[in-house]
């Protein structure tokens, strides 16, 4: 049977869960944006420093060696940063879901109880 007082509490719980969810998502996206901005700044600074080194090179062999080392370190840095950001997105998804865990468990238990009562 439907109880109107329960509906009011359910609405309040849903709003609290949504508020917590939005707060977690906002915090997570801010952290991701800051990380991406820091990586971009670092990458740009490394590129400028590399170009300065490259302009001072006297031989083709030295230029190739310098360029190879730079590309290798850039690729490793990119892979590392992509892995880190992937982890941050995973954490964001987990944190965003946490406020809904308890209400979903309650709803599942209520549905299970109602199904058992109807079957009896």
Protein backbone atom coordinates (compact mmCIF):
# COMPACT_ATOMS: atom_id res chain seq x y z
CA UNK A 1 0.00 0.00 0.00
CA UNK A 2 1.21 3.48 -0.86
CA UNK A 3 1.96 5.77 2.07
CA UNK A 4 2.15 9.50 1.32
CA UNK A 5 4.46 10.24 4.25
CA UNK A 6 6.95 7.75 2.85
CA UNK A 7 6.82 9.56 -0.49
CA UNK A 8 7.89 12.80 1.19
CA UNK A 9 10.87 11.10 2.82
CA UNK A 10 11.77 9.38 -0.43
CA UNK A 11 11.77 12.72 -2.26
CA UNK A 12 13.95 14.27 0.42
CA UNK A 13 16.37 11.34 0.27
CA UNK A 14 16.50 11.57 -3.52
CA UNK A 15 17.31 15.29 -3.37
CA UNK A 16 20.06 14.68 -0.82
CA UNK A 17 21.53 11.92 -2.97
CA UNK A 18 21.43 14.14 -6.06
CA UNK A 19 23.07 17.02 -4.18
CA UNK A 20 25.86 14.74 -2.96
CA UNK A 21 26.24 13.35 -6.47
CA UNK A 22 26.55 16.79 -8.04
CA UNK A 23 29.06 17.87 -5.40
CA UNK A 24 31.19 14.78 -6.03
CA UNK A 25 31.02 15.27 -9.80
CA UNK A 26 31.93 18.94 -9.57
CA UNK A 27 34.88 18.21 -7.32
CA UNK A 28 36.04 15.40 -9.60
CA UNK A 29 35.77 17.45 -12.79
CA UNK A 30 37.65 20.34 -11.16
CA UNK A 31 40.47 17.99 -10.18
CA UNK A 32 40.60 16.56 -13.70
CA UNK A 33 40.64 20.03 -15.27
CA UNK A 34 43.43 21.16 -12.95
CA UNK A 35 45.47 18.05 -13.75
CA UNK A 36 44.99 18.53 -17.48
CA UNK A 37 45.99 22.20 -17.23
CA UNK A 38 49.11 21.35 -15.22
CA UNK A 39 50.10 18.68 -17.74
CA UNK A 40 49.57 21.08 -20.66
CA UNK A 41 51.71 23.72 -18.99
CA UNK A 42 54.45 21.22 -18.21
CA UNK A 43 54.35 19.80 -21.73
CA UNK A 44 54.59 23.26 -23.28
CA UNK A 45 57.54 24.21 -21.07
CA UNK A 46 59.33 20.98 -21.97
CA UNK A 47 58.72 21.63 -25.67
CA UNK A 48 60.13 25.15 -25.44
CA UNK A 49 63.20 23.89 -23.58
CA UNK A 50 63.67 21.17 -26.20
CA UNK A 51 63.47 23.68 -29.04
CA UNK A 52 66.10 25.84 -27.32
CA UNK A 53 68.39 22.82 -27.01
CA UNK A 54 67.73 21.83 -30.60
CA UNK A 55 68.70 25.25 -31.94
CA UNK A 56 72.11 24.94 -30.29
CA UNK A 57 72.97 21.57 -31.85
CA UNK A 58 75.89 21.55 -34.31
CA UNK A 59 75.48 18.16 -36.00
CA UNK A 60 72.67 16.15 -37.55
CA UNK A 61 73.51 13.12 -35.40
CA UNK A 62 73.20 15.15 -32.22
CA UNK A 63 69.90 16.62 -33.43
CA UNK A 64 68.51 13.16 -34.20
CA UNK A 65 69.65 11.85 -30.81
CA UNK A 66 68.14 14.84 -29.00
CA UNK A 67 64.88 14.55 -30.96
CA UNK A 68 64.65 10.81 -30.29
CA UNK A 69 65.15 11.30 -26.56
CA UNK A 70 62.56 14.08 -26.50
CA UNK A 71 59.97 12.03 -28.38
CA UNK A 72 60.53 9.05 -26.11
CA UNK A 73 60.14 11.11 -22.93
CA UNK A 74 57.10 12.93 -24.38
CA UNK A 75 55.40 9.65 -25.23
CA UNK A 76 56.12 8.18 -21.80
CA UNK A 77 54.80 11.34 -20.14
CA UNK A 78 51.66 11.23 -22.27
CA UNK A 79 50.96 7.58 -21.47
CA UNK A 80 51.54 8.25 -17.77
CA UNK A 81 49.20 11.23 -17.81
CA UNK A 82 46.52 9.36 -19.76
CA UNK A 83 46.68 6.54 -17.22
CA UNK A 84 46.41 9.01 -14.36
CA UNK A 85 43.43 10.78 -15.93
CA UNK A 86 41.76 7.43 -16.61
CA UNK A 87 42.08 6.61 -12.92
CA UNK A 88 40.66 10.00 -12.01
CA UNK A 89 37.63 9.40 -14.26
CA UNK A 90 37.14 5.96 -12.69
CA UNK A 91 37.27 7.48 -9.20
CA UNK A 92 34.83 10.17 -10.32
CA UNK A 93 32.36 7.53 -11.49
CA UNK A 94 32.68 5.60 -8.23
CA UNK A 95 32.26 8.73 -6.10
CA UNK A 96 29.27 9.85 -8.15
CA UNK A 97 27.52 6.52 -7.61
CA UNK A 98 28.10 6.32 -3.83
CA UNK A 99 25.14 8.53 -2.83
CA UNK A 100 22.80 6.21 -4.73
CA UNK A 101 24.04 2.93 -3.23
CA UNK A 102 21.92 3.02 -0.07
CA UNK A 103 18.65 4.15 -1.73
CA UNK A 104 19.08 1.55 -4.47
CA UNK A 105 19.65 -1.18 -1.88
CA UNK A 106 16.55 -0.05 0.02
CA UNK A 107 14.49 -0.08 -3.16
CA UNK A 108 15.76 -3.55 -4.07
CA UNK A 109 14.95 -4.85 -0.58
CA UNK A 110 11.46 -3.30 -0.69
CA UNK A 111 10.83 -4.82 -4.11
CA UNK A 112 12.04 -8.22 -2.90
CA UNK A 113 9.82 -8.02 0.18
CA UNK A 114 6.82 -7.01 -1.92
CA UNK A 115 7.47 -9.87 -4.33
CA UNK A 116 7.67 -12.38 -1.46
CA UNK A 117 4.50 -10.97 0.09
CA UNK A 118 2.65 -11.20 -3.23
CA UNK A 119 3.84 -14.78 -3.78
CA UNK A 120 2.68 -15.88 -0.32
